[in-house]
Amino acid sequence: MNIEPQSIHAVRCWPTWLAAALLWCVTRLPFTWQLAIGRLLGFCIYVFGSERRQVTRINLELCFPGLSTDEYRRLTKAHLASLGTAIVEIALSWWGTERKLRRLVTISGLENLESALQHGKGVLLLSAHFTTLEIGGRLLSLYAPFHVLYRRHKNPVIEFLIRRSRTRLYENAIERGDLRTMIKSLRDNRPVWYAPDQDFGSDNSIFVPFFGVPAATLTATSRLAGATGARVVPFFQARLPGSRGYRLTLLPALEQFPGTSVEMDTRRIVELIENRVRENPEQYVWAHRRFKTRPPGAKPVYKS
């Protein structure tokens, strides 16, 4: 990682360092307090984050048509509360102690990962961008080693913290787009944690319906499984009600995958993610511009 020391310690970065220090302090508090602070952050996002609020509302209206105005408002508030909680959970995943984290997790299906690895060709841990994604990965690392993908952040302090935490907590951190290293990990029979459900543009993507709305979706899951023989094990996380912690679920490896076409494989993955979103809709990352890339001739769905 090429980060200039002076850029990390530059005066312009002090607010990020201060925020990181405050979040570290939050991770020392009782878990119930952490959740309360996260919800407070989410309320601030709702009040002051007009763009996040607007994108969330548009996505919810597209994906859940027919709700009342009050229902959309409640779901938007619930999602942004979940998003604020995720900020605290990211800090907890970086700095929480193993003893404390183990008390928060219920895991099922670990045998599905172990069984898939017995085939000797690696495993794609297929996940999705829920607000619990970061804490879910950290909790799984307590039970099984795996490699992770990460996206380089523009802020040098955040990039430094992400990179340091992922190289410390996981077997390997692979920068998104480094296909060669990802394939090598699979061929070395390593699990690779992978979430293909955000809009990365039209390159290497096809349009498939997500809640009935055409969404540019990466086809890499099918192509990687076909090229390496890796098994695809769906891995999902959920925040439990109250202060009960988190549930991790690893499903059996997808049968007959890849199938007869990349398009059918991609549709299958999107439908799988849809079903999990319906279970806890407020925990999916609706603040992301999921439908930014549009099919030819289709009108933009976001105002800017």
C-alpha atoms as a PDB file:
ATOM      1  CA  MET A   1       0.000   0.000   0.000  1.00  0.00           C
ATOM      2  CA  ASN A   2       1.545   3.285  -1.108  1.00  0.00           C
ATOM      3  CA  ILE A   3       0.340   5.888   1.366  1.00  0.00           C
ATOM      4  CA  GLU A   4       2.646   8.804   1.989  1.00  0.00           C
ATOM      5  CA  PRO A   5       3.181   9.242   5.749  1.00  0.00           C
ATOM      6  CA  GLN A   6       2.810  12.976   5.414  1.00  0.00           C
ATOM      7  CA  SER A   7      -0.604  12.532   3.755  1.00  0.00           C
ATOM      8  CA  ILE A   8      -1.807  10.431   6.693  1.00  0.00           C
ATOM      9  CA  HIS A   9      -0.710  13.014   9.231  1.00  0.00           C
ATOM     10  CA  ALA A  10      -1.597  16.081   7.194  1.00  0.00           C
ATOM     11  CA  VAL A  11      -3.581  18.785   8.922  1.00  0.00           C
ATOM     12  CA  ARG A  12      -6.474  18.257   6.530  1.00  0.00           C
ATOM     13  CA  CYS A  13      -6.900  14.701   7.869  1.00  0.00           C
ATOM     14  CA  TRP A  14      -7.319  15.600  11.528  1.00  0.00           C
ATOM     15  CA  PRO A  15     -11.156  15.374  11.493  1.00  0.00           C
ATOM     16  CA  THR A  16     -10.926  11.784  10.267  1.00  0.00           C
ATOM     17  CA  TRP A  17      -8.387  10.894  12.928  1.00  0.00           C
ATOM     18  CA  LEU A  18     -10.634  12.511  15.554  1.00  0.00           C
ATOM     19  CA  ALA A  19     -13.659  10.570  14.334  1.00  0.00           C
ATOM     20  CA  ALA A  20     -11.651   7.330  14.396  1.00  0.00           C
ATOM     21  CA  ALA A  21     -10.504   8.049  17.949  1.00  0.00           C
ATOM     22  CA  LEU A  22     -14.076   8.701  19.075  1.00  0.00           C
ATOM     23  CA  LEU A  23     -15.246   5.472  17.443  1.00  0.00           C
ATOM     24  CA  TRP A  24     -12.456   3.585  19.191  1.00  0.00           C
ATOM     25  CA  CYS A  25     -13.756   4.972  22.476  1.00  0.00           C
ATOM     26  CA  VAL A  26     -17.286   3.865  21.574  1.00  0.00           C
ATOM     27  CA  THR A  27     -16.071   0.277  21.150  1.00  0.00           C
ATOM     28  CA  ARG A  28     -15.062   0.299  24.833  1.00  0.00           C
ATOM     29  CA  LEU A  29     -18.671   0.957  25.902  1.00  0.00           C
ATOM     30  CA  PRO A  30     -21.331  -1.689  26.615  1.00  0.00           C
ATOM     31  CA  PHE A  31     -22.878  -3.133  23.468  1.00  0.00           C
ATOM     32  CA  THR A  32     -26.312  -1.629  24.173  1.00  0.00           C
ATOM     33  CA  TRP A  33     -24.707   1.822  24.332  1.00  0.00           C
ATOM     34  CA  GLN A  34     -22.911   1.204  21.064  1.00  0.00           C
ATOM     35  CA  LEU A  35     -26.182   0.380  19.341  1.00  0.00           C
ATOM     36  CA  ALA A  36     -27.832   3.483  20.800  1.00  0.00           C
ATOM     37  CA  ILE A  37     -24.995   5.682  19.527  1.00  0.00           C
ATOM     38  CA  GLY A  38     -25.298   4.033  16.120  1.00  0.00           C
ATOM     39  CA  ARG A  39     -29.000   4.799  15.964  1.00  0.00           C
ATOM     40  CA  LEU A  40     -28.249   8.397  16.955  1.00  0.00           C
ATOM     41  CA  LEU A  41     -25.762   8.621  14.072  1.00  0.00           C
ATOM     42  CA  GLY A  42     -28.466   7.246  11.799  1.00  0.00           C
ATOM     43  CA  PHE A  43     -30.895   9.921  12.979  1.00  0.00           C
ATOM     44  CA  CYS A  44     -28.284  12.557  12.134  1.00  0.00           C
ATOM     45  CA  ILE A  45     -27.904  11.046   8.655  1.00  0.00           C
ATOM     46  CA  TYR A  46     -31.686  11.196   8.243  1.00  0.00           C
ATOM     47  CA  VAL A  47     -31.883  14.843   9.328  1.00  0.00           C
ATOM     48  CA  PHE A  48     -28.751  16.239   7.689  1.00  0.00           C
ATOM     49  CA  GLY A  49     -27.928  13.739   4.928  1.00  0.00           C
ATOM     50  CA  SER A  50     -30.447  14.823   2.338  1.00  0.00           C
ATOM     51  CA  GLU A  51     -28.724  12.967  -0.511  1.00  0.00           C
ATOM     52  CA  ARG A  52     -28.597   9.664   1.399  1.00  0.00           C
ATOM     53  CA  ARG A  53     -32.209  10.127   2.455  1.00  0.00           C
ATOM     54  CA  GLN A  54     -33.293  10.911  -1.089  1.00  0.00           C
ATOM     55  CA  VAL A  55     -31.483   7.935  -2.669  1.00  0.00           C
ATOM     56  CA  THR A  56     -32.861   5.608  -0.005  1.00  0.00           C
ATOM     57  CA  ARG A  57     -36.409   6.807  -0.576  1.00  0.00           C
ATOM     58  CA  ILE A  58     -36.148   6.447  -4.366  1.00  0.00           C
ATOM     59  CA  ASN A  59     -34.773   2.908  -4.086  1.00  0.00           C
ATOM     60  CA  LEU A  60     -37.499   1.876  -1.660  1.00  0.00           C
ATOM     61  CA  GLU A  61     -40.224   3.307  -3.882  1.00  0.00           C
ATOM     62  CA  LEU A  62     -38.813   1.419  -6.872  1.00  0.00           C
ATOM     63  CA  CYS A  63     -38.376  -1.896  -5.078  1.00  0.00           C
ATOM     64  CA  PHE A  64     -41.438  -1.843  -2.819  1.00  0.00           C
ATOM     65  CA  PRO A  65     -44.161  -0.086  -4.829  1.00  0.00           C
ATOM     66  CA  GLY A  66     -47.511   0.427  -3.232  1.00  0.00           C
ATOM     67  CA  LEU A  67     -46.461   1.348   0.303  1.00  0.00           C
ATOM     68  CA  SER A  68     -48.008   4.374   1.953  1.00  0.00           C
ATOM     69  CA  THR A  69     -46.122   7.619   2.507  1.00  0.00           C
ATOM     70  CA  ASP A  70     -45.822   6.835   6.218  1.00  0.00           C
ATOM     71  CA  GLU A  71     -44.504   3.342   5.479  1.00  0.00           C
ATOM     72  CA  TYR A  72     -41.826   4.727   3.165  1.00  0.00           C
ATOM     73  CA  ARG A  73     -40.861   7.291   5.792  1.00  0.00           C
ATOM     74  CA  ARG A  74     -40.633   4.671   8.547  1.00  0.00           C
ATOM     75  CA  LEU A  75     -38.598   2.303   6.370  1.00  0.00           C
ATOM     76  CA  THR A  76     -36.264   5.127   5.327  1.00  0.00           C
ATOM     77  CA  LYS A  77     -35.693   6.084   8.970  1.00  0.00           C
ATOM     78  CA  ALA A  78     -35.158   2.445   9.919  1.00  0.00           C
ATOM     79  CA  HIS A  79     -32.627   1.970   7.150  1.00  0.00           C
ATOM     80  CA  LEU A  80     -30.634   5.081   8.021  1.00  0.00           C
ATOM     81  CA  ALA A  81     -30.663   4.022  11.684  1.00  0.00           C
ATOM     82  CA  SER A  82     -29.228   0.707  10.505  1.00  0.00           C
ATOM     83  CA  LEU A  83     -26.649   2.562   8.414  1.00  0.00           C
ATOM     84  CA  GLY A  84     -25.606   4.643  11.418  1.00  0.00           C
ATOM     85  CA  THR A  85     -25.316   1.492  13.488  1.00  0.00           C
ATOM     86  CA  ALA A  86     -23.067   0.048  10.784  1.00  0.00           C
ATOM     87  CA  ILE A  87     -20.573   2.882  11.370  1.00  0.00           C
ATOM     88  CA  VAL A  88     -20.196   1.781  14.981  1.00  0.00           C
ATOM     89  CA  GLU A  89     -20.076  -1.872  13.902  1.00  0.00           C
ATOM     90  CA  ILE A  90     -17.211  -1.142  11.527  1.00  0.00           C
ATOM     91  CA  ALA A  91     -15.261   0.257  14.476  1.00  0.00           C
ATOM     92  CA  LEU A  92     -16.249  -2.785  16.538  1.00  0.00           C
ATOM     93  CA  SER A  93     -15.012  -5.093  13.792  1.00  0.00           C
ATOM     94  CA  TRP A  94     -11.664  -3.254  13.757  1.00  0.00           C
ATOM     95  CA  TRP A  95     -11.088  -2.858  17.482  1.00  0.00           C
ATOM     96  CA  GLY A  96     -13.462  -5.171  19.324  1.00  0.00           C
ATOM     97  CA  THR A  97     -11.842  -7.939  21.349  1.00  0.00           C
ATOM     98  CA  GLU A  98     -12.357 -11.552  20.330  1.00  0.00           C
ATOM     99  CA  ARG A  99     -13.837 -12.386  23.734  1.00  0.00           C
ATOM    100  CA  LYS A 100     -16.433  -9.641  23.403  1.00  0.00           C
ATOM    101  CA  LEU A 101     -17.281 -10.453  19.798  1.00  0.00           C
ATOM    102  CA  ARG A 102     -17.805 -14.166  20.410  1.00  0.00           C
ATOM    103  CA  ARG A 103     -20.559 -13.348  22.875  1.00  0.00           C
ATOM    104  CA  LEU A 104     -22.476 -11.540  20.141  1.00  0.00           C
ATOM    105  CA  VAL A 105     -22.645 -14.183  17.425  1.00  0.00           C
ATOM    106  CA  THR A 106     -24.842 -17.141  16.545  1.00  0.00           C
ATOM    107  CA  ILE A 107     -23.574 -19.086  13.549  1.00  0.00           C
ATOM    108  CA  SER A 108     -25.171 -21.838  11.494  1.00  0.00           C
ATOM    109  CA  GLY A 109     -24.008 -23.735   8.413  1.00  0.00           C
ATOM    110  CA  LEU A 110     -20.267 -23.654   9.045  1.00  0.00           C
ATOM    111  CA  GLU A 111     -20.229 -27.262   7.904  1.00  0.00           C
ATOM    112  CA  ASN A 112     -21.350 -26.072   4.450  1.00  0.00           C
ATOM    113  CA  LEU A 113     -18.132 -24.097   4.071  1.00  0.00           C
ATOM    114  CA  GLU A 114     -16.048 -26.998   5.337  1.00  0.00           C
ATOM    115  CA  SER A 115     -17.760 -29.396   2.938  1.00  0.00           C
ATOM    116  CA  ALA A 116     -17.232 -27.076  -0.031  1.00  0.00           C
ATOM    117  CA  LEU A 117     -13.524 -26.773   0.767  1.00  0.00           C
ATOM    118  CA  GLN A 118     -13.145 -30.539   0.612  1.00  0.00           C
ATOM    119  CA  HIS A 119     -13.486 -30.307  -3.173  1.00  0.00           C
ATOM    120  CA  GLY A 120     -10.106 -28.558  -3.192  1.00  0.00           C
ATOM    121  CA  LYS A 121     -10.899 -25.761  -5.653  1.00  0.00           C
ATOM    122  CA  GLY A 122     -11.673 -22.861  -3.372  1.00  0.00           C
ATOM    123  CA  VAL A 123     -14.917 -21.260  -2.282  1.00  0.00           C
ATOM    124  CA  LEU A 124     -16.606 -18.013  -3.217  1.00  0.00           C
ATOM    125  CA  LEU A 125     -18.289 -16.767  -0.057  1.00  0.00           C
ATOM    126  CA  LEU A 126     -21.156 -15.046  -1.805  1.00  0.00           C
ATOM    127  CA  SER A 127     -22.489 -12.168   0.254  1.00  0.00           C
ATOM    128  CA  ALA A 128     -24.362  -8.914  -0.326  1.00  0.00           C
ATOM    129  CA  HIS A 129     -24.138  -5.317   0.829  1.00  0.00           C
ATOM    130  CA  PHE A 130     -26.127  -5.356   4.013  1.00  0.00           C
ATOM    131  CA  THR A 131     -25.291  -2.819   6.687  1.00  0.00           C
ATOM    132  CA  THR A 132     -23.991  -5.764   8.732  1.00  0.00           C
ATOM    133  CA  LEU A 133     -21.464  -6.773   6.066  1.00  0.00           C
ATOM    134  CA  GLU A 134     -18.325  -5.597   7.873  1.00  0.00           C
ATOM    135  CA  ILE A 135     -19.206  -6.913  11.314  1.00  0.00           C
ATOM    136  CA  GLY A 136     -20.445 -10.152   9.743  1.00  0.00           C
ATOM    137  CA  GLY A 137     -17.110 -10.762   8.069  1.00  0.00           C
ATOM    138  CA  ARG A 138     -15.229 -10.046  11.281  1.00  0.00           C
ATOM    139  CA  LEU A 139     -17.415 -12.468  13.226  1.00  0.00           C
ATOM    140  CA  LEU A 140     -16.961 -15.208  10.630  1.00  0.00           C
ATOM    141  CA  SER A 141     -13.186 -14.752  10.867  1.00  0.00           C
ATOM    142  CA  LEU A 142     -13.426 -16.013  14.447  1.00  0.00           C
ATOM    143  CA  TYR A 143     -14.463 -19.403  13.090  1.00  0.00           C
ATOM    144  CA  ALA A 144     -12.809 -19.763   9.689  1.00  0.00           C
ATOM    145  CA  PRO A 145      -9.907 -18.129   7.810  1.00  0.00           C
ATOM    146  CA  PHE A 146     -10.687 -16.552   4.444  1.00  0.00           C
ATOM    147  CA  HIS A 147      -9.546 -13.891   1.979  1.00  0.00           C
ATOM    148  CA  VAL A 148     -11.423 -10.628   1.481  1.00  0.00           C
ATOM    149  CA  LEU A 149     -11.863  -8.139  -1.313  1.00  0.00           C
ATOM    150  CA  TYR A 150     -11.626  -4.455  -0.544  1.00  0.00           C
ATOM    151  CA  ARG A 151     -12.081  -1.220  -2.421  1.00  0.00           C
ATOM    152  CA  ARG A 152      -9.415   1.471  -2.080  1.00  0.00           C
ATOM    153  CA  HIS A 153     -10.783   4.540  -0.281  1.00  0.00           C
ATOM    154  CA  LYS A 154     -10.018   8.100  -1.394  1.00  0.00           C
ATOM    155  CA  ASN A 155      -9.487   9.316   2.161  1.00  0.00           C
ATOM    156  CA  PRO A 156      -5.923   8.267   3.102  1.00  0.00           C
ATOM    157  CA  VAL A 157      -6.737   7.809   6.779  1.00  0.00           C
ATOM    158  CA  ILE A 158      -9.741   5.572   6.104  1.00  0.00           C
ATOM    159  CA  GLU A 159      -7.721   3.666   3.510  1.00  0.00           C
ATOM    160  CA  PHE A 160      -4.941   3.178   6.069  1.00  0.00           C
ATOM    161  CA  LEU A 161      -7.349   1.907   8.733  1.00  0.00           C
ATOM    162  CA  ILE A 162      -9.230  -0.401   6.371  1.00  0.00           C
ATOM    163  CA  ARG A 163      -6.098  -1.857   4.867  1.00  0.00           C
ATOM    164  CA  ARG A 164      -4.443  -2.365   8.253  1.00  0.00           C
ATOM    165  CA  SER A 165      -7.493  -4.022   9.779  1.00  0.00           C
ATOM    166  CA  ARG A 166      -8.102  -6.342   6.857  1.00  0.00           C
ATOM    167  CA  THR A 167      -4.504  -7.490   6.597  1.00  0.00           C
ATOM    168  CA  ARG A 168      -4.429  -8.031  10.374  1.00  0.00           C
ATOM    169  CA  LEU A 169      -7.759  -9.807  10.762  1.00  0.00           C
ATOM    170  CA  TYR A 170      -8.013 -11.855   7.567  1.00  0.00           C
ATOM    171  CA  GLU A 171      -5.687 -14.245   5.750  1.00  0.00           C
ATOM    172  CA  ASN A 172      -5.325 -11.903   2.796  1.00  0.00           C
ATOM    173  CA  ALA A 173      -6.818  -8.626   1.542  1.00  0.00           C
ATOM    174  CA  ILE A 174      -7.265  -8.434  -2.229  1.00  0.00           C
ATOM    175  CA  GLU A 175      -7.923  -5.110  -3.928  1.00  0.00           C
ATOM    176  CA  ARG A 176     -11.073  -5.159  -6.031  1.00  0.00           C
ATOM    177  CA  GLY A 177     -10.093  -5.649  -9.659  1.00  0.00           C
ATOM    178  CA  ASP A 178      -7.057  -7.796  -8.846  1.00  0.00           C
ATOM    179  CA  LEU A 179      -8.516 -10.804 -10.628  1.00  0.00           C
ATOM    180  CA  ARG A 180      -5.212 -12.648 -10.818  1.00  0.00           C
ATOM    181  CA  THR A 181      -4.749 -12.728  -7.042  1.00  0.00           C
ATOM    182  CA  MET A 182      -8.374 -13.683  -6.522  1.00  0.00           C
ATOM    183  CA  ILE A 183      -8.048 -16.650  -8.892  1.00  0.00           C
ATOM    184  CA  LYS A 184      -4.804 -17.674  -7.195  1.00  0.00           C
ATOM    185  CA  SER A 185      -6.558 -17.683  -3.816  1.00  0.00           C
ATOM    186  CA  LEU A 186      -9.286 -19.944  -5.170  1.00  0.00           C
ATOM    187  CA  ARG A 187      -6.791 -22.289  -6.800  1.00  0.00           C
ATOM    188  CA  ASP A 188      -4.983 -22.472  -3.456  1.00  0.00           C
ATOM    189  CA  ASN A 189      -8.312 -23.723  -2.025  1.00  0.00           C
ATOM    190  CA  ARG A 190      -9.002 -20.590   0.004  1.00  0.00           C
ATOM    191  CA  PRO A 191     -12.434 -19.069   0.633  1.00  0.00           C
ATOM    192  CA  VAL A 192     -12.809 -15.590  -0.873  1.00  0.00           C
ATOM    193  CA  TRP A 193     -15.435 -13.258   0.570  1.00  0.00           C
ATOM    194  CA  TYR A 194     -17.209 -11.553  -2.300  1.00  0.00           C
ATOM    195  CA  ALA A 195     -20.290  -9.308  -2.717  1.00  0.00           C
ATOM    196  CA  PRO A 196     -21.340  -8.632  -6.350  1.00  0.00           C
ATOM    197  CA  ASP A 197     -24.552  -6.694  -5.778  1.00  0.00           C
ATOM    198  CA  GLN A 198     -23.563  -3.047  -6.203  1.00  0.00           C
ATOM    199  CA  ASP A 199     -23.587  -0.945  -9.369  1.00  0.00           C
ATOM    200  CA  PHE A 200     -20.056  -0.939 -10.813  1.00  0.00           C
ATOM    201  CA  GLY A 201     -21.132   0.285 -14.236  1.00  0.00           C
ATOM    202  CA  SER A 202     -21.862  -1.594 -17.427  1.00  0.00           C
ATOM    203  CA  ASP A 203     -18.423  -3.209 -17.833  1.00  0.00           C
ATOM    204  CA  ASN A 204     -18.543  -6.938 -17.012  1.00  0.00           C
ATOM    205  CA  SER A 205     -22.197  -6.553 -16.029  1.00  0.00           C
ATOM    206  CA  ILE A 206     -25.583  -7.435 -17.437  1.00  0.00           C
ATOM    207  CA  PHE A 207     -29.019  -6.084 -16.608  1.00  0.00           C
ATOM    208  CA  VAL A 208     -31.142  -8.402 -14.495  1.00  0.00           C
ATOM    209  CA  PRO A 209     -34.221  -7.540 -12.438  1.00  0.00           C
ATOM    210  CA  PHE A 210     -33.645  -6.641  -8.805  1.00  0.00           C
ATOM    211  CA  PHE A 211     -37.087  -6.344  -7.198  1.00  0.00           C
ATOM    212  CA  GLY A 212     -38.374  -5.997 -10.755  1.00  0.00           C
ATOM    213  CA  VAL A 213     -36.073  -3.087 -11.637  1.00  0.00           C
ATOM    214  CA  PRO A 214     -33.294  -3.637 -14.241  1.00  0.00           C
ATOM    215  CA  ALA A 215     -29.992  -3.468 -12.361  1.00  0.00           C
ATOM    216  CA  ALA A 216     -26.460  -3.637 -13.769  1.00  0.00           C
ATOM    217  CA  THR A 217     -25.058  -6.733 -12.054  1.00  0.00           C
ATOM    218  CA  LEU A 218     -21.574  -8.216 -12.184  1.00  0.00           C
ATOM    219  CA  THR A 219     -21.311 -11.600 -13.875  1.00  0.00           C
ATOM    220  CA  ALA A 220     -17.999 -12.461 -12.221  1.00  0.00           C
ATOM    221  CA  THR A 221     -19.490 -15.030  -9.841  1.00  0.00           C
ATOM    222  CA  SER A 222     -20.465 -17.331 -12.686  1.00  0.00           C
ATOM    223  CA  ARG A 223     -17.262 -16.710 -14.630  1.00  0.00           C
ATOM    224  CA  LEU A 224     -14.970 -17.265 -11.650  1.00  0.00           C
ATOM    225  CA  ALA A 225     -16.755 -20.452 -10.639  1.00  0.00           C
ATOM    226  CA  GLY A 226     -16.521 -21.702 -14.212  1.00  0.00           C
ATOM    227  CA  ALA A 227     -12.841 -20.821 -14.597  1.00  0.00           C
ATOM    228  CA  THR A 228     -11.656 -22.268 -11.273  1.00  0.00           C
ATOM    229  CA  GLY A 229     -14.207 -24.892 -10.267  1.00  0.00           C
ATOM    230  CA  ALA A 230     -14.765 -23.016  -6.987  1.00  0.00           C
ATOM    231  CA  ARG A 231     -17.909 -23.778  -5.034  1.00  0.00           C
ATOM    232  CA  VAL A 232     -20.250 -20.874  -4.283  1.00  0.00           C
ATOM    233  CA  VAL A 233     -21.411 -20.780  -0.649  1.00  0.00           C
ATOM    234  CA  PRO A 234     -23.943 -18.031   0.148  1.00  0.00           C
ATOM    235  CA  PHE A 235     -23.038 -16.189   3.348  1.00  0.00           C
ATOM    236  CA  PHE A 236     -25.434 -13.735   4.991  1.00  0.00           C
ATOM    237  CA  GLN A 237     -25.520 -11.789   8.224  1.00  0.00           C
ATOM    238  CA  ALA A 238     -28.326 -10.171  10.187  1.00  0.00           C
ATOM    239  CA  ARG A 239     -28.523  -7.905  13.205  1.00  0.00           C
ATOM    240  CA  LEU A 240     -30.854  -9.442  15.762  1.00  0.00           C
ATOM    241  CA  PRO A 241     -33.540  -7.424  17.559  1.00  0.00           C
ATOM    242  CA  GLY A 242     -32.672  -5.671  20.772  1.00  0.00           C
ATOM    243  CA  SER A 243     -29.114  -6.244  21.918  1.00  0.00           C
ATOM    244  CA  ARG A 244     -28.973  -9.941  21.069  1.00  0.00           C
ATOM    245  CA  GLY A 245     -26.088  -9.597  18.615  1.00  0.00           C
ATOM    246  CA  TYR A 246     -25.853 -11.150  15.154  1.00  0.00           C
ATOM    247  CA  ARG A 247     -26.850 -14.244  13.229  1.00  0.00           C
ATOM    248  CA  LEU A 248     -24.484 -15.618  10.582  1.00  0.00           C
ATOM    249  CA  THR A 249     -25.831 -18.087   8.049  1.00  0.00           C
ATOM    250  CA  LEU A 250     -23.819 -20.125   5.561  1.00  0.00           C
ATOM    251  CA  LEU A 251     -26.067 -21.936   3.099  1.00  0.00           C
ATOM    252  CA  PRO A 252     -25.176 -25.115   1.202  1.00  0.00           C
ATOM    253  CA  ALA A 253     -23.045 -24.584  -1.903  1.00  0.00           C
ATOM    254  CA  LEU A 254     -25.128 -23.784  -4.973  1.00  0.00           C
ATOM    255  CA  GLU A 255     -25.887 -26.918  -6.960  1.00  0.00           C
ATOM    256  CA  GLN A 256     -25.235 -27.065 -10.712  1.00  0.00           C
ATOM    257  CA  PHE A 257     -23.436 -23.751 -10.647  1.00  0.00           C
ATOM    258  CA  PRO A 258     -22.400 -22.406 -13.043  1.00  0.00           C
ATOM    259  CA  GLY A 259     -25.351 -23.460 -15.111  1.00  0.00           C
ATOM    260  CA  THR A 260     -26.293 -23.213 -18.751  1.00  0.00           C
ATOM    261  CA  SER A 261     -25.740 -19.451 -19.115  1.00  0.00           C
ATOM    262  CA  VAL A 262     -24.122 -16.536 -17.348  1.00  0.00           C
ATOM    263  CA  GLU A 263     -27.420 -14.648 -17.448  1.00  0.00           C
ATOM    264  CA  MET A 264     -29.327 -17.437 -15.684  1.00  0.00           C
ATOM    265  CA  ASP A 265     -26.571 -17.734 -13.083  1.00  0.00           C
ATOM    266  CA  THR A 266     -26.668 -13.995 -12.407  1.00  0.00           C
ATOM    267  CA  ARG A 267     -30.457 -14.013 -12.128  1.00  0.00           C
ATOM    268  CA  ARG A 268     -30.215 -16.884  -9.682  1.00  0.00           C
ATOM    269  CA  ILE A 269     -27.821 -14.950  -7.462  1.00  0.00           C
ATOM    270  CA  VAL A 270     -29.931 -11.794  -7.549  1.00  0.00           C
ATOM    271  CA  GLU A 271     -33.057 -13.755  -6.598  1.00  0.00           C
ATOM    272  CA  LEU A 272     -31.158 -15.329  -3.707  1.00  0.00           C
ATOM    273  CA  ILE A 273     -30.124 -11.892  -2.456  1.00  0.00           C
ATOM    274  CA  GLU A 274     -33.663 -10.569  -2.917  1.00  0.00           C
ATOM    275  CA  ASN A 275     -35.048 -13.286  -0.673  1.00  0.00           C
ATOM    276  CA  ARG A 276     -32.608 -12.375   2.087  1.00  0.00           C
ATOM    277  CA  VAL A 277     -33.370  -8.657   1.729  1.00  0.00           C
ATOM    278  CA  ARG A 278     -37.072  -9.337   2.252  1.00  0.00           C
ATOM    279  CA  GLU A 279     -36.295 -10.845   5.655  1.00  0.00           C
ATOM    280  CA  ASN A 280     -34.692  -7.637   6.985  1.00  0.00           C
ATOM    281  CA  PRO A 281     -35.314  -4.919   4.392  1.00  0.00           C
ATOM    282  CA  GLU A 282     -34.076  -2.071   6.595  1.00  0.00           C
ATOM    283  CA  GLN A 283     -30.643  -3.743   6.864  1.00  0.00           C
ATOM    284  CA  TYR A 284     -29.885  -3.696   3.140  1.00  0.00           C
ATOM    285  CA  VAL A 285     -27.815  -0.742   1.861  1.00  0.00           C
ATOM    286  CA  TRP A 286     -30.524   1.251   0.097  1.00  0.00           C
ATOM    287  CA  ALA A 287     -28.467   4.455   0.335  1.00  0.00           C
ATOM    288  CA  HIS A 288     -26.329   3.138  -2.550  1.00  0.00           C
ATOM    289  CA  ARG A 289     -27.304   4.227  -6.079  1.00  0.00           C
ATOM    290  CA  ARG A 290     -28.093   0.680  -7.133  1.00  0.00           C
ATOM    291  CA  PHE A 291     -29.818   1.745 -10.349  1.00  0.00           C
ATOM    292  CA  LYS A 292     -27.381   4.442 -11.438  1.00  0.00           C
ATOM    293  CA  THR A 293     -26.455   2.542 -14.620  1.00  0.00           C
ATOM    294  CA  ARG A 294     -29.537   2.313 -16.802  1.00  0.00           C
ATOM    295  CA  PRO A 295     -30.404   0.181 -19.837  1.00  0.00           C
ATOM    296  CA  PRO A 296     -30.091   1.965 -23.199  1.00  0.00           C
ATOM    297  CA  GLY A 297     -32.881   4.489 -23.592  1.00  0.00           C
ATOM    298  CA  ALA A 298     -34.051   4.292 -19.972  1.00  0.00           C
ATOM    299  CA  LYS A 299     -34.414   7.497 -17.985  1.00  0.00           C
ATOM    300  CA  PRO A 300     -32.223   8.150 -14.911  1.00  0.00           C
ATOM    301  CA  VAL A 301     -33.937   7.366 -11.626  1.00  0.00           C
ATOM    302  CA  TYR A 302     -31.882   9.713  -9.436  1.00  0.00           C
ATOM    303  CA  LYS A 303     -32.141  13.480  -9.605  1.00  0.00           C
ATOM    304  CA  SER A 304     -28.402  14.124  -9.783  1.00  0.00           C
END
